[in-house]
């Protein structure tokens, strides 16, 4: 929502993800990076944070969904 008091994703979490990318962590550990990415970015997909767990465990068991592979398409 436009009037959210909390930024999504959390600016600190976003900065951490960007630093991991910059340091090559995403390429060296794509599955682990995907799990970290999902843990922070999934809040962007829902309206109510209390419902975040309804999205499931994430995509880190699907290599074609790892950010290092998906990024190639964008």
Protein backbone atom coordinates (compact mmCIF):
# COMPACT_ATOMS: atom_id res chain seq x y z
CA UNK A 1 0.00 0.00 0.00
CA UNK A 2 1.17 3.52 -0.69
CA UNK A 3 0.69 4.55 2.92
CA UNK A 4 2.78 1.75 4.45
CA UNK A 5 4.92 2.98 7.31
CA UNK A 6 7.44 0.22 6.77
CA UNK A 7 9.40 0.05 3.55
CA UNK A 8 9.29 -3.24 1.69
CA UNK A 9 11.77 -4.70 1.39
CA UNK A 10 13.41 -3.47 4.54
CA UNK A 11 16.19 -1.06 3.46
CA UNK A 12 18.75 -2.84 5.63
CA UNK A 13 17.82 -6.23 4.15
CA UNK A 14 17.90 -4.80 0.62
CA UNK A 15 21.36 -3.36 1.22
CA UNK A 16 22.57 -6.72 2.54
CA UNK A 17 21.29 -8.53 -0.56
CA UNK A 18 22.96 -6.02 -2.84
CA UNK A 19 26.24 -6.38 -0.95
CA UNK A 20 26.06 -10.17 -1.27
CA UNK A 21 25.54 -9.80 -5.02
CA UNK A 22 28.41 -7.36 -5.30
CA UNK A 23 30.72 -9.71 -3.41
CA UNK A 24 29.89 -12.63 -5.71
CA UNK A 25 27.94 -14.60 -3.11
CA UNK A 26 24.95 -15.03 -5.44
CA UNK A 27 27.10 -16.75 -8.06
CA UNK A 28 29.22 -18.76 -5.62
CA UNK A 29 26.26 -19.91 -3.51
CA UNK A 30 23.15 -19.55 -5.70
CA UNK A 31 20.88 -21.81 -3.67
CA UNK A 32 21.74 -20.11 -0.38
CA UNK A 33 21.42 -16.67 -1.93
CA UNK A 34 17.99 -17.60 -3.29
CA UNK A 35 16.89 -18.57 0.23
CA UNK A 36 18.12 -15.24 1.61
CA UNK A 37 16.48 -13.35 -1.26
CA UNK A 38 13.15 -15.14 -0.73
CA UNK A 39 13.27 -14.52 3.01
CA UNK A 40 13.45 -10.78 2.44
CA UNK A 41 11.70 -10.12 -0.85
CA UNK A 42 8.58 -12.26 -0.37
CA UNK A 43 7.00 -9.48 1.66
CA UNK A 44 6.67 -7.51 -1.58
CA UNK A 45 4.19 -10.10 -2.88
CA UNK A 46 1.55 -9.75 -0.17
CA UNK A 47 -0.63 -7.05 1.30
CA UNK A 48 -0.60 -8.21 4.91
CA UNK A 49 2.72 -9.33 6.44
CA UNK A 50 0.95 -11.83 8.70
CA UNK A 51 0.11 -13.83 5.57
CA UNK A 52 3.68 -14.17 4.29
CA UNK A 53 3.98 -17.82 5.30
CA UNK A 54 1.09 -18.71 3.02
CA UNK A 55 3.48 -18.18 0.10
CA UNK A 56 5.31 -21.38 0.97
CA UNK A 57 8.90 -22.24 1.67
CA UNK A 58 10.33 -20.61 -1.42
CA UNK A 59 12.01 -21.46 -4.66
CA UNK A 60 15.53 -22.41 -3.61
CA UNK A 61 15.03 -26.07 -4.57
CA UNK A 62 14.38 -25.06 -8.19
CA UNK A 63 17.66 -23.99 -9.84
CA UNK A 64 15.83 -22.34 -12.73
CA UNK A 65 14.31 -19.91 -10.17
CA UNK A 66 17.57 -18.93 -8.48
CA UNK A 67 18.22 -15.22 -8.98
CA UNK A 68 21.55 -15.96 -10.66
CA UNK A 69 19.64 -17.86 -13.38
CA UNK A 70 16.50 -15.71 -13.56
CA UNK A 71 18.58 -12.53 -13.87
CA UNK A 72 19.85 -13.76 -17.25
CA UNK A 73 16.35 -13.26 -18.65
CA UNK A 74 16.10 -9.69 -17.46
